[in-house]
Amino acid sequence: MGRVALVTGASSGIGRAMALALLEAGHRVVLSATDAKALEDTRQSSHAGDRAAVVPADLSREPELPVLARAAEEAFGQVDILVNNAGVAGNPARHPQEMDRQEMRRVFEINTFAPIHLTQLLLQPMVRRGWGRIVFISTSLDTMLRFMPYGMTKAAGEAFIAALSTSLHSTGVTANVLVPGGMTATRMTQRRGDPGTMLQPQIMGPPIAWLASDASGRVTGRRFIAARWNAALTAEQAAQAAGSPVAWSGHSDRAISPADFAATENKPAPR
């Protein structure tokens, strides 16, 4: 039997699509969101029987996070794969300087702090077992820059994954980011256009199934765009084509350290 995954925001949209893909791949999956009825609908739709468990939780309430982590571990004995997907769009500000601080805190609590907290709660048993997958569902760079405070919360989450992947080097636990790659037909976008012209949640299935597999064990600190995942290729080839360094770590110079300054000052002037 496969591994055990916890998928937050599994009641609809891309969370539901990823949960169903993981169940189809043979894993056991703990489905979590605020809507218990919708979670049960997801469970029934999977036809996975007792390989799917429902654990409702509200990630905006910090005391519920340890409860969710314990319940997820108790459902199948452990959690091997954490898919931090649940999120809210929030009430966008027209300009960054106009953001409401209360709203900003609320969106960060759900989109950034809750995923980090859940990761902290579930990570150490993965490290002890020498196998684990942490996946943070993020958004496109232009969305980060245009939609505040939502975009900021995803940028912060990606920075956490970049640092985490370095910290987990050689532990057997990987940390990666997965994004749809464009506007996706979910509840978050239902008033923003024709769903028929948007990306469909199901595009998240193949990449999340691969990220949750043994085959991805050497891949960490990467950002994958589901819309670029080519099903005509092997999974490894598709991952190579759809991936890039997480949190723009491949697009900037290394920070200059005091040692660099000292080396520059002591270097003889050109003649």
C-alpha atoms as a PDB file:
ATOM      1  CA  MET A   1       0.000   0.000   0.000  1.00  0.00           C
ATOM      2  CA  GLY A   2       1.133   3.577  -0.690  1.00  0.00           C
ATOM      3  CA  ARG A   3       2.121   6.357   1.663  1.00  0.00           C
ATOM      4  CA  VAL A   4      -0.132   8.558   3.814  1.00  0.00           C
ATOM      5  CA  ALA A   5      -0.953  12.112   2.712  1.00  0.00           C
ATOM      6  CA  LEU A   6      -2.679  15.032   4.393  1.00  0.00           C
ATOM      7  CA  VAL A   7      -4.249  17.435   1.909  1.00  0.00           C
ATOM      8  CA  THR A   8      -5.673  20.695   3.240  1.00  0.00           C
ATOM      9  CA  GLY A   9      -8.406  22.460   1.309  1.00  0.00           C
ATOM     10  CA  ALA A  10      -9.449  19.077  -0.094  1.00  0.00           C
ATOM     11  CA  SER A  11     -13.172  19.842  -0.301  1.00  0.00           C
ATOM     12  CA  SER A  12     -13.103  21.463  -3.752  1.00  0.00           C
ATOM     13  CA  GLY A  13     -10.991  22.866  -6.573  1.00  0.00           C
ATOM     14  CA  ILE A  14      -7.343  21.954  -6.863  1.00  0.00           C
ATOM     15  CA  GLY A  15      -7.265  20.456  -3.362  1.00  0.00           C
ATOM     16  CA  ARG A  16      -9.963  17.984  -4.301  1.00  0.00           C
ATOM     17  CA  ALA A  17      -8.233  17.219  -7.620  1.00  0.00           C
ATOM     18  CA  MET A  18      -4.907  16.526  -5.876  1.00  0.00           C
ATOM     19  CA  ALA A  19      -6.516  14.381  -3.181  1.00  0.00           C
ATOM     20  CA  LEU A  20      -8.257  12.268  -5.818  1.00  0.00           C
ATOM     21  CA  ALA A  21      -5.016  11.912  -7.787  1.00  0.00           C
ATOM     22  CA  LEU A  22      -3.144  10.727  -4.685  1.00  0.00           C
ATOM     23  CA  LEU A  23      -5.880   8.204  -3.893  1.00  0.00           C
ATOM     24  CA  GLU A  24      -5.817   6.971  -7.485  1.00  0.00           C
ATOM     25  CA  ALA A  25      -2.044   6.514  -7.126  1.00  0.00           C
ATOM     26  CA  GLY A  26      -2.694   4.131  -4.233  1.00  0.00           C
ATOM     27  CA  HIS A  27      -1.980   6.360  -1.252  1.00  0.00           C
ATOM     28  CA  ARG A  28      -4.115   6.785   1.850  1.00  0.00           C
ATOM     29  CA  VAL A  29      -5.299  10.372   2.171  1.00  0.00           C
ATOM     30  CA  VAL A  30      -6.566  12.497   5.039  1.00  0.00           C
ATOM     31  CA  LEU A  31      -8.941  15.096   3.595  1.00  0.00           C
ATOM     32  CA  SER A  32      -9.201  18.366   5.496  1.00  0.00           C
ATOM     33  CA  ALA A  33     -11.120  21.629   5.049  1.00  0.00           C
ATOM     34  CA  THR A  34     -13.782  23.583   6.923  1.00  0.00           C
ATOM     35  CA  ASP A  35     -16.755  22.054   5.058  1.00  0.00           C
ATOM     36  CA  ALA A  36     -17.343  18.525   6.407  1.00  0.00           C
ATOM     37  CA  LYS A  37     -20.125  17.754   3.903  1.00  0.00           C
ATOM     38  CA  ALA A  38     -17.977  18.741   0.913  1.00  0.00           C
ATOM     39  CA  LEU A  39     -15.113  16.656   2.288  1.00  0.00           C
ATOM     40  CA  GLU A  40     -17.425  13.666   2.524  1.00  0.00           C
ATOM     41  CA  ASP A  41     -18.452  14.289  -1.101  1.00  0.00           C
ATOM     42  CA  THR A  42     -14.767  14.172  -2.063  1.00  0.00           C
ATOM     43  CA  ARG A  43     -14.304  10.942  -0.128  1.00  0.00           C
ATOM     44  CA  GLN A  44     -17.340   9.320  -1.764  1.00  0.00           C
ATOM     45  CA  SER A  45     -16.238  10.473  -5.231  1.00  0.00           C
ATOM     46  CA  SER A  46     -12.872   8.808  -4.805  1.00  0.00           C
ATOM     47  CA  HIS A  47     -14.371   5.309  -4.424  1.00  0.00           C
ATOM     48  CA  ALA A  48     -11.295   4.675  -2.255  1.00  0.00           C
ATOM     49  CA  GLY A  49     -13.218   3.261   0.680  1.00  0.00           C
ATOM     50  CA  ASP A  50     -11.262   3.227   3.918  1.00  0.00           C
ATOM     51  CA  ARG A  51      -8.151   4.662   2.230  1.00  0.00           C
ATOM     52  CA  ALA A  52      -9.708   8.142   2.590  1.00  0.00           C
ATOM     53  CA  ALA A  53     -10.419   9.802   5.942  1.00  0.00           C
ATOM     54  CA  VAL A  54     -12.195  13.096   6.662  1.00  0.00           C
ATOM     55  CA  VAL A  55     -10.855  15.497   9.314  1.00  0.00           C
ATOM     56  CA  PRO A  56     -12.545  18.933   9.221  1.00  0.00           C
ATOM     57  CA  ALA A  57     -10.454  21.854  10.503  1.00  0.00           C
ATOM     58  CA  ASP A  58     -10.399  25.637  10.345  1.00  0.00           C
ATOM     59  CA  LEU A  59      -6.817  26.763   9.680  1.00  0.00           C
ATOM     60  CA  SER A  60      -7.607  30.309  10.761  1.00  0.00           C
ATOM     61  CA  ARG A  61      -7.864  28.988  14.337  1.00  0.00           C
ATOM     62  CA  GLU A  62      -4.366  28.207  15.538  1.00  0.00           C
ATOM     63  CA  PRO A  63      -5.452  25.811  18.341  1.00  0.00           C
ATOM     64  CA  GLU A  64      -7.024  23.534  15.718  1.00  0.00           C
ATOM     65  CA  LEU A  65      -3.698  22.893  13.950  1.00  0.00           C
ATOM     66  CA  PRO A  66      -2.191  20.497  16.529  1.00  0.00           C
ATOM     67  CA  VAL A  67      -5.572  18.769  16.719  1.00  0.00           C
ATOM     68  CA  LEU A  68      -5.580  18.319  12.939  1.00  0.00           C
ATOM     69  CA  ALA A  69      -1.990  17.033  12.924  1.00  0.00           C
ATOM     70  CA  ARG A  70      -2.736  14.452  15.634  1.00  0.00           C
ATOM     71  CA  ALA A  71      -5.968  13.343  13.986  1.00  0.00           C
ATOM     72  CA  ALA A  72      -4.213  12.962  10.630  1.00  0.00           C
ATOM     73  CA  GLU A  73      -1.479  10.817  12.176  1.00  0.00           C
ATOM     74  CA  GLU A  74      -3.998   8.724  14.076  1.00  0.00           C
ATOM     75  CA  ALA A  75      -6.143   8.110  10.974  1.00  0.00           C
ATOM     76  CA  PHE A  76      -3.522   5.879   9.328  1.00  0.00           C
ATOM     77  CA  GLY A  77      -0.690   5.731  11.862  1.00  0.00           C
ATOM     78  CA  GLN A  78       1.533   8.445  10.351  1.00  0.00           C
ATOM     79  CA  VAL A  79       1.709  11.219   7.749  1.00  0.00           C
ATOM     80  CA  ASP A  80       4.326  10.935   4.997  1.00  0.00           C
ATOM     81  CA  ILE A  81       3.109  13.622   2.592  1.00  0.00           C
ATOM     82  CA  LEU A  82       1.840  17.084   3.541  1.00  0.00           C
ATOM     83  CA  VAL A  83       0.126  19.086   0.810  1.00  0.00           C
ATOM     84  CA  ASN A  84      -0.375  22.621   2.109  1.00  0.00           C
ATOM     85  CA  ASN A  85      -3.093  23.750  -0.258  1.00  0.00           C
ATOM     86  CA  ALA A  86      -5.832  25.494   1.753  1.00  0.00           C
ATOM     87  CA  GLY A  87      -5.950  29.243   1.249  1.00  0.00           C
ATOM     88  CA  VAL A  88      -8.152  32.299   0.937  1.00  0.00           C
ATOM     89  CA  ALA A  89      -8.029  35.126  -1.593  1.00  0.00           C
ATOM     90  CA  GLY A  90      -8.958  37.744   0.971  1.00  0.00           C
ATOM     91  CA  ASN A  91     -10.282  41.184   0.131  1.00  0.00           C
ATOM     92  CA  PRO A  92      -7.738  42.626  -2.318  1.00  0.00           C
ATOM     93  CA  ALA A  93      -6.489  46.183  -1.912  1.00  0.00           C
ATOM     94  CA  ARG A  94      -6.269  48.385  -5.001  1.00  0.00           C
ATOM     95  CA  HIS A  95      -2.784  49.499  -3.980  1.00  0.00           C
ATOM     96  CA  PRO A  96      -0.264  47.931  -1.577  1.00  0.00           C
ATOM     97  CA  GLN A  97      -0.195  51.050   0.587  1.00  0.00           C
ATOM     98  CA  GLU A  98      -3.964  50.735   1.076  1.00  0.00           C
ATOM     99  CA  MET A  99      -3.939  47.224   2.576  1.00  0.00           C
ATOM    100  CA  ASP A 100      -6.035  46.774   5.689  1.00  0.00           C
ATOM    101  CA  ARG A 101      -3.791  45.433   8.449  1.00  0.00           C
ATOM    102  CA  GLN A 102      -6.512  43.277   9.982  1.00  0.00           C
ATOM    103  CA  GLU A 103      -7.274  41.650   6.638  1.00  0.00           C
ATOM    104  CA  MET A 104      -3.575  41.198   5.943  1.00  0.00           C
ATOM    105  CA  ARG A 105      -3.129  39.334   9.246  1.00  0.00           C
ATOM    106  CA  ARG A 106      -6.140  37.106   8.511  1.00  0.00           C
ATOM    107  CA  VAL A 107      -4.893  36.080   5.070  1.00  0.00           C
ATOM    108  CA  PHE A 108      -1.346  35.484   6.310  1.00  0.00           C
ATOM    109  CA  GLU A 109      -2.708  33.349   9.172  1.00  0.00           C
ATOM    110  CA  ILE A 110      -4.419  30.936   6.771  1.00  0.00           C
ATOM    111  CA  ASN A 111      -2.137  31.044   3.722  1.00  0.00           C
ATOM    112  CA  THR A 112       1.294  31.256   5.352  1.00  0.00           C
ATOM    113  CA  PHE A 113       1.403  30.701   9.106  1.00  0.00           C
ATOM    114  CA  ALA A 114      -0.912  27.660   9.125  1.00  0.00           C
ATOM    115  CA  PRO A 115       1.122  25.776   6.468  1.00  0.00           C
ATOM    116  CA  ILE A 116       4.357  26.568   8.306  1.00  0.00           C
ATOM    117  CA  HIS A 117       2.862  25.422  11.617  1.00  0.00           C
ATOM    118  CA  LEU A 118       1.520  22.175  10.131  1.00  0.00           C
ATOM    119  CA  THR A 119       4.912  21.511   8.580  1.00  0.00           C
ATOM    120  CA  GLN A 120       6.605  22.006  11.950  1.00  0.00           C
ATOM    121  CA  LEU A 121       4.116  19.674  13.630  1.00  0.00           C
ATOM    122  CA  LEU A 122       4.492  16.828  11.127  1.00  0.00           C
ATOM    123  CA  LEU A 123       8.084  17.135   9.959  1.00  0.00           C
ATOM    124  CA  GLN A 124      10.168  15.420  12.656  1.00  0.00           C
ATOM    125  CA  PRO A 125       8.538  11.966  12.337  1.00  0.00           C
ATOM    126  CA  MET A 126       9.219  12.146   8.587  1.00  0.00           C
ATOM    127  CA  VAL A 127      12.879  12.949   9.267  1.00  0.00           C
ATOM    128  CA  ARG A 128      13.137  10.067  11.742  1.00  0.00           C
ATOM    129  CA  ARG A 129      11.694   7.660   9.171  1.00  0.00           C
ATOM    130  CA  GLY A 130      13.976   9.046   6.446  1.00  0.00           C
ATOM    131  CA  TRP A 131      11.122   9.706   4.010  1.00  0.00           C
ATOM    132  CA  GLY A 132       8.734  12.620   3.566  1.00  0.00           C
ATOM    133  CA  ARG A 133       7.257  15.113   1.130  1.00  0.00           C
ATOM    134  CA  ILE A 134       6.286  18.713   1.892  1.00  0.00           C
ATOM    135  CA  VAL A 135       4.441  20.465  -0.955  1.00  0.00           C
ATOM    136  CA  PHE A 136       3.310  24.089  -0.782  1.00  0.00           C
ATOM    137  CA  ILE A 137       0.694  25.189  -3.311  1.00  0.00           C
ATOM    138  CA  SER A 138       1.581  28.663  -4.495  1.00  0.00           C
ATOM    139  CA  THR A 139       0.711  31.068  -7.288  1.00  0.00           C
ATOM    140  CA  SER A 140       2.297  32.742 -10.309  1.00  0.00           C
ATOM    141  CA  LEU A 141       4.742  35.601  -9.891  1.00  0.00           C
ATOM    142  CA  ASP A 142       2.486  38.136 -11.602  1.00  0.00           C
ATOM    143  CA  THR A 143      -0.311  37.210  -9.164  1.00  0.00           C
ATOM    144  CA  MET A 144       2.076  37.787  -6.269  1.00  0.00           C
ATOM    145  CA  LEU A 145       2.743  41.288  -7.555  1.00  0.00           C
ATOM    146  CA  ARG A 146      -0.816  42.235  -8.520  1.00  0.00           C
ATOM    147  CA  PHE A 147      -3.060  40.814  -5.780  1.00  0.00           C
ATOM    148  CA  MET A 148      -2.392  42.081  -2.281  1.00  0.00           C
ATOM    149  CA  PRO A 149      -2.262  40.715   0.374  1.00  0.00           C
ATOM    150  CA  TYR A 150      -2.808  37.263  -1.198  1.00  0.00           C
ATOM    151  CA  GLY A 151       0.337  37.447  -3.327  1.00  0.00           C
ATOM    152  CA  MET A 152       2.511  38.381  -0.367  1.00  0.00           C
ATOM    153  CA  THR A 153       1.347  35.333   1.585  1.00  0.00           C
ATOM    154  CA  LYS A 154       2.357  32.992  -1.220  1.00  0.00           C
ATOM    155  CA  ALA A 155       5.727  34.680  -1.732  1.00  0.00           C
ATOM    156  CA  ALA A 156       6.468  34.265   1.983  1.00  0.00           C
ATOM    157  CA  GLY A 157       5.445  30.608   1.838  1.00  0.00           C
ATOM    158  CA  GLU A 158       7.794  29.973  -1.075  1.00  0.00           C
ATOM    159  CA  ALA A 159      10.675  31.604   0.800  1.00  0.00           C
ATOM    160  CA  PHE A 160       9.977  29.237   3.703  1.00  0.00           C
ATOM    161  CA  ILE A 161      10.074  26.214   1.374  1.00  0.00           C
ATOM    162  CA  ALA A 162      13.374  27.401  -0.128  1.00  0.00           C
ATOM    163  CA  ALA A 163      14.965  27.618   3.319  1.00  0.00           C
ATOM    164  CA  LEU A 164      13.346  24.359   4.443  1.00  0.00           C
ATOM    165  CA  SER A 165      14.669  22.398   1.482  1.00  0.00           C
ATOM    166  CA  THR A 166      18.206  23.456   2.366  1.00  0.00           C
ATOM    167  CA  SER A 167      17.699  22.565   6.029  1.00  0.00           C
ATOM    168  CA  LEU A 168      16.425  19.091   5.109  1.00  0.00           C
ATOM    169  CA  HIS A 169      19.351  18.189   2.857  1.00  0.00           C
ATOM    170  CA  SER A 170      20.153  14.430   2.994  1.00  0.00           C
ATOM    171  CA  THR A 171      17.257  13.623   5.366  1.00  0.00           C
ATOM    172  CA  GLY A 172      15.060  11.882   2.795  1.00  0.00           C
ATOM    173  CA  VAL A 173      12.432  14.621   3.191  1.00  0.00           C
ATOM    174  CA  THR A 174      11.880  16.969   0.259  1.00  0.00           C
ATOM    175  CA  ALA A 175      10.230  20.391   0.128  1.00  0.00           C
ATOM    176  CA  ASN A 176       8.831  21.738  -3.133  1.00  0.00           C
ATOM    177  CA  VAL A 177       6.314  24.213  -4.533  1.00  0.00           C
ATOM    178  CA  LEU A 178       3.553  23.458  -7.043  1.00  0.00           C
ATOM    179  CA  VAL A 179       1.536  26.126  -8.863  1.00  0.00           C
ATOM    180  CA  PRO A 180      -1.243  25.786 -11.444  1.00  0.00           C
ATOM    181  CA  GLY A 181       0.407  28.308 -13.780  1.00  0.00           C
ATOM    182  CA  GLY A 182      -2.542  30.579 -14.483  1.00  0.00           C
ATOM    183  CA  MET A 183      -6.092  31.428 -13.490  1.00  0.00           C
ATOM    184  CA  THR A 184      -7.758  28.156 -12.488  1.00  0.00           C
ATOM    185  CA  ALA A 185     -11.490  27.367 -12.338  1.00  0.00           C
ATOM    186  CA  THR A 186     -12.057  27.267  -8.577  1.00  0.00           C
ATOM    187  CA  ARG A 187     -14.279  29.028  -6.070  1.00  0.00           C
ATOM    188  CA  MET A 188     -11.547  31.640  -5.680  1.00  0.00           C
ATOM    189  CA  THR A 189     -11.921  32.738  -9.314  1.00  0.00           C
ATOM    190  CA  GLN A 190     -15.631  32.140  -9.943  1.00  0.00           C
ATOM    191  CA  ARG A 191     -16.405  35.840 -10.472  1.00  0.00           C
ATOM    192  CA  ARG A 192     -13.362  36.610 -12.593  1.00  0.00           C
ATOM    193  CA  GLY A 193     -14.303  35.187 -15.953  1.00  0.00           C
ATOM    194  CA  ASP A 194     -15.549  32.175 -17.890  1.00  0.00           C
ATOM    195  CA  PRO A 195     -14.443  28.952 -16.118  1.00  0.00           C
ATOM    196  CA  GLY A 196     -14.340  27.270 -19.510  1.00  0.00           C
ATOM    197  CA  THR A 197     -11.411  29.457 -20.567  1.00  0.00           C
ATOM    198  CA  MET A 198      -9.434  28.861 -17.371  1.00  0.00           C
ATOM    199  CA  LEU A 199      -7.068  26.089 -16.382  1.00  0.00           C
ATOM    200  CA  GLN A 200      -8.871  23.112 -14.855  1.00  0.00           C
ATOM    201  CA  PRO A 201      -8.024  21.808 -11.369  1.00  0.00           C
ATOM    202  CA  GLN A 202      -7.233  18.348 -12.744  1.00  0.00           C
ATOM    203  CA  ILE A 203      -3.924  19.603 -14.189  1.00  0.00           C
ATOM    204  CA  MET A 204      -2.542  19.380 -10.637  1.00  0.00           C
ATOM    205  CA  GLY A 205      -2.993  15.589 -10.563  1.00  0.00           C
ATOM    206  CA  PRO A 206       0.043  14.308 -12.499  1.00  0.00           C
ATOM    207  CA  PRO A 207       2.642  16.577 -10.835  1.00  0.00           C
ATOM    208  CA  ILE A 208       1.366  15.984  -7.292  1.00  0.00           C
ATOM    209  CA  ALA A 209       1.310  12.216  -7.876  1.00  0.00           C
ATOM    210  CA  TRP A 210       4.943  12.365  -9.004  1.00  0.00           C
ATOM    211  CA  LEU A 211       6.028  14.647  -6.143  1.00  0.00           C
ATOM    212  CA  ALA A 212       4.478  12.153  -3.695  1.00  0.00           C
ATOM    213  CA  SER A 213       6.320   9.191  -5.223  1.00  0.00           C
ATOM    214  CA  ASP A 214       9.663   7.533  -4.560  1.00  0.00           C
ATOM    215  CA  ALA A 215      10.786   8.712  -8.003  1.00  0.00           C
ATOM    216  CA  SER A 216      10.979  12.335  -6.817  1.00  0.00           C
ATOM    217  CA  GLY A 217      13.213  11.548  -3.843  1.00  0.00           C
ATOM    218  CA  ARG A 218      16.230  13.452  -5.169  1.00  0.00           C
ATOM    219  CA  VAL A 219      14.220  16.533  -6.130  1.00  0.00           C
ATOM    220  CA  THR A 220      13.877  19.334  -3.584  1.00  0.00           C
ATOM    221  CA  GLY A 221      13.828  23.115  -3.527  1.00  0.00           C
ATOM    222  CA  ARG A 222      12.008  23.239  -6.862  1.00  0.00           C
ATOM    223  CA  ARG A 223       8.955  25.066  -8.180  1.00  0.00           C
ATOM    224  CA  PHE A 224       6.737  23.179 -10.629  1.00  0.00           C
ATOM    225  CA  ILE A 225       4.151  24.707 -12.965  1.00  0.00           C
ATOM    226  CA  ALA A 226       1.317  22.259 -13.575  1.00  0.00           C
ATOM    227  CA  ALA A 227       0.240  23.942 -16.826  1.00  0.00           C
ATOM    228  CA  ARG A 228       3.658  23.076 -18.286  1.00  0.00           C
ATOM    229  CA  TRP A 229       3.502  19.409 -17.247  1.00  0.00           C
ATOM    230  CA  ASN A 230       3.573  17.457 -20.515  1.00  0.00           C
ATOM    231  CA  ALA A 231       1.832  14.107 -20.124  1.00  0.00           C
ATOM    232  CA  ALA A 232       3.395  12.912 -23.375  1.00  0.00           C
ATOM    233  CA  LEU A 233       6.794  12.835 -21.649  1.00  0.00           C
ATOM    234  CA  THR A 234       7.991  10.552 -18.889  1.00  0.00           C
ATOM    235  CA  ALA A 235       7.299  11.943 -15.416  1.00  0.00           C
ATOM    236  CA  GLU A 236      10.992  12.780 -14.959  1.00  0.00           C
ATOM    237  CA  GLN A 237      11.139  14.583 -18.311  1.00  0.00           C
ATOM    238  CA  ALA A 238       7.897  16.436 -17.550  1.00  0.00           C
ATOM    239  CA  ALA A 239       9.272  17.521 -14.164  1.00  0.00           C
ATOM    240  CA  GLN A 240      12.462  18.781 -15.766  1.00  0.00           C
ATOM    241  CA  ALA A 241      10.503  20.841 -18.302  1.00  0.00           C
ATOM    242  CA  ALA A 242       8.008  22.214 -15.764  1.00  0.00           C
ATOM    243  CA  GLY A 243      10.431  22.946 -12.918  1.00  0.00           C
ATOM    244  CA  SER A 244      12.702  25.781 -11.836  1.00  0.00           C
ATOM    245  CA  PRO A 245      14.440  26.812  -8.592  1.00  0.00           C
ATOM    246  CA  VAL A 246      11.976  27.682  -5.836  1.00  0.00           C
ATOM    247  CA  ALA A 247      11.491  31.271  -4.650  1.00  0.00           C
ATOM    248  CA  TRP A 248      13.582  32.728  -7.503  1.00  0.00           C
ATOM    249  CA  SER A 249      16.744  31.301  -5.933  1.00  0.00           C
ATOM    250  CA  GLY A 250      18.131  30.745  -9.407  1.00  0.00           C
ATOM    251  CA  HIS A 251      17.535  34.311 -10.548  1.00  0.00           C
ATOM    252  CA  SER A 252      19.597  36.455  -8.182  1.00  0.00           C
ATOM    253  CA  ASP A 253      23.193  36.902  -7.129  1.00  0.00           C
ATOM    254  CA  ARG A 254      24.486  35.655  -3.808  1.00  0.00           C
ATOM    255  CA  ALA A 255      24.375  38.264  -1.077  1.00  0.00           C
ATOM    256  CA  ILE A 256      27.680  40.037  -0.499  1.00  0.00           C
ATOM    257  CA  SER A 257      29.197  39.165   2.877  1.00  0.00           C
ATOM    258  CA  PRO A 258      31.693  41.120   5.009  1.00  0.00           C
ATOM    259  CA  ALA A 259      34.354  38.656   3.848  1.00  0.00           C
ATOM    260  CA  ASP A 260      33.633  39.686   0.261  1.00  0.00           C
ATOM    261  CA  PHE A 261      34.141  43.340   1.166  1.00  0.00           C
ATOM    262  CA  ALA A 262      37.430  42.502   2.871  1.00  0.00           C
ATOM    263  CA  ALA A 263      38.647  40.544  -0.127  1.00  0.00           C
ATOM    264  CA  THR A 264      37.757  43.436  -2.440  1.00  0.00           C
ATOM    265  CA  GLU A 265      39.510  46.007  -0.266  1.00  0.00           C
ATOM    266  CA  ASN A 266      42.688  43.911  -0.056  1.00  0.00           C
ATOM    267  CA  LYS A 267      42.809  43.180  -3.753  1.00  0.00           C
ATOM    268  CA  PRO A 268      45.567  45.101  -5.556  1.00  0.00           C
ATOM    269  CA  ALA A 269      44.313  47.821  -7.856  1.00  0.00           C
ATOM    270  CA  PRO A 270      44.636  47.063 -11.585  1.00  0.00           C
ATOM    271  CA  ARG A 271      47.566  48.692 -13.344  1.00  0.00           C
END
